[in-house]
Amino acid sequence: MRTIHKYLPVLFSIIAMTFGSCSADYLDESDFPMEPGVGDTPLLNFDGQDNLTVSNDGGEYSFSFTANLPWMVESRASWVTLTCDDRGEGGKEPVKVTFTVSRNGTIEPRTGEIRVWITEDSEHIVTISQEATPIQELGNNWYVKADGTGDGSSWASPTTLSNALAAAVDNDKIYVAAGTHCPTAMLAGGNQVKDNTFHVAANVSIIGGFPADATEGAVADPDANPTILSGDIEGGPAFHVMVVTAPKSDIFSVNVSGVTITGGYANSSAQTITINGAKLHRSYGAGITVGNTNVAFTDCVIRDNYSPGYCGAVYVTGGGEARFTDCLFEENESGGNGACIWNSATLYMDGCTVRNNSNTGVGCGLYAYDNDKGEVKSYIYNTSFLNNRTDGIKNSRRGGGCYFRENSRSVAVNCTFDGNFGGNGAAVALYGTSALPSELTMISCTVTNNESAFTGGGVEAGDYTTLNMYNSIVAGNRDAEGYPDIVITSSNAGTSDLPAVLSYCIDGSAVYGKDKAAVSGAVFDFETMLSSISDGVRALSGDNNPALSYGMPVDELASIVTGMSPEVDPEILVSDQKGNDRTGNVMGAYTGD
């Protein structure tokens, strides 16, 4: 007991000090002695600094005040962190409070408080108002390497693409390093290894082209760092390399850039899986299947995909909208229709090359048709269709380059069709029915060196179609039956006057001005007036070339799309396929540098 009594005074002293410090009105003046003459009435002065507005990105900020007595400061928001002392002595000199604000990771503005006080009755609140972050700027970053085993939070801890896609949500970004990436996750509703695919179920961005050994700060360069998404899986190949079914959004969409999609091998039987309201065929779209979603592919290569049935490379269905910009489609194959692209919804192509694809059906390069007879829209700009073949030697094997079928609305601007082969309509074929007519508008296109095994080496228009042609060259094409470069195979009286519009165009050697008016004395010779193909286009050449002087004036070109369906941006019409400004009256896809 004597030992306990010995320490009791010390214990009581500590308790008294503790309760005294909690209940005191003032800070400990032994730590912060007051200057002479400042007085003992608490005074805080902020010179109107009651509210501060900060950006959604956050950053470093400050404000100043004066206090005549010892003071304290605290943050009342988890996203506002003080970077200065939280207490100090009073005096006459201004005190600077510095703090950092975290990025606002929400779509709502938010407010927080910084409290400065001397006593409970003498305090000041500075309100921090932070702007909302636009929803498009939200999202997480994922980092992917072919052999990734980490959590994907950095290049130092990369994960696989299948894992990143499984975890990602709308507006996330997935950065993918060079190498060969194979899918390890099965498509929902699948039941075999070949159903493994890169399933894009959220509106994310997939960016390829980073170095295989990427570290923080790495920059994408797809040409230097090939990023290959391959269907060559163990137990495969995969029916589809990529399936995109992210729900449509007014704010987000799927974006894929800088990757090569290859090695898909679609099923031979027509089994289906329904996801997000879209019926997906195992036997269609070995490279990419797009179902009821909005997706954009940029600077991608879709190569060497195969379907024993239909559509070797890309299938767009179920109300989907797919955009391809600066993409290359090559060496894809199918045993039926649409070796390269089958569009049964809405398709945009700009600056693409479609070459060396083959099938034994119809519509080798592009096939526009919905099995359910819905409306199909195709917007094809600044794109070359080269050396595509529908190899079945039948007159029904239409459209080596493109085949636009019933209930399709299509437009091609600044496009080159060269070296394609088909039964009828080697470059372009158009077909409709009385209930579901089709329409195609071709503006500033060059169609040459295509070959038909039967009729229509260049462009063929069949029953119940509307063909409008402006400022285009269709010449130097061949067929077995000696028909013109633009041929009408319709037996329907209402279609017999096609093309409905032939304005400022060349058909074979004949030159036409406005509204089918033949230009007397003008003759086009494709052998001397079109140069050899280079970089997907043919330049105009030769003396007295009518394509250099009888084309549509630029102001007329820009105006013809008014009220057009599908809608076309007039800006596309005032430049050529390679982006050169159109000047003068020049026909065709390419005006020259």
Foldseek 3Di string as FASTA:
>chain_A
DVVVVVCVVVVVVVVVVVVCCVPDFFHDCVVAPFDPPLDDDWDKAFPPQQEDEDELQKFKDKGKMAIRAKKAKDWPDPQKAWPDHGIHGHDDDIDMTMIIGHHAQAQQKDKTWMKMAGGPVGIGIRIYIYHGDPPLPHAAEFEAAQPADAPRRFLVRHDHLLVCQVPGAANYEYEYFADEHEFDDADVVDDDRLNGENENAHQYEYEYAWHNSDHPPTDHDLVVGAHEQEQPDVVDSHLEHYEYDHAEDPRGAHEYESYEFEHFEADQDFDWDADNNFTHTSQEARYYEYANGEYEYEHYEFEHAEGQAEHRHYEYDHQYEYEYELYEYEHAEYAEPARHYEFAHEYEYANYEYEHYEYQYAFHQYEYHHPVQEATEYEAELYEYAQAENPNQDLNREASAGEHEFNYEYEYELYEYANAETAAQRHYEAYYDPVTAYEYEYEQAEFAHAEHAAYAQHYEYEPRYEYAYALYEQEHGYYPPPDWNYYYPYPDPVCVPPNPFDAQYHTYQWGAHGRRHTDPPGTADCVAQWADDDPRGTEGDDPSHVQQARADALVVQLPPQVVPVVHDHSVSRQAASVGHGDHHGHGHRDHDD
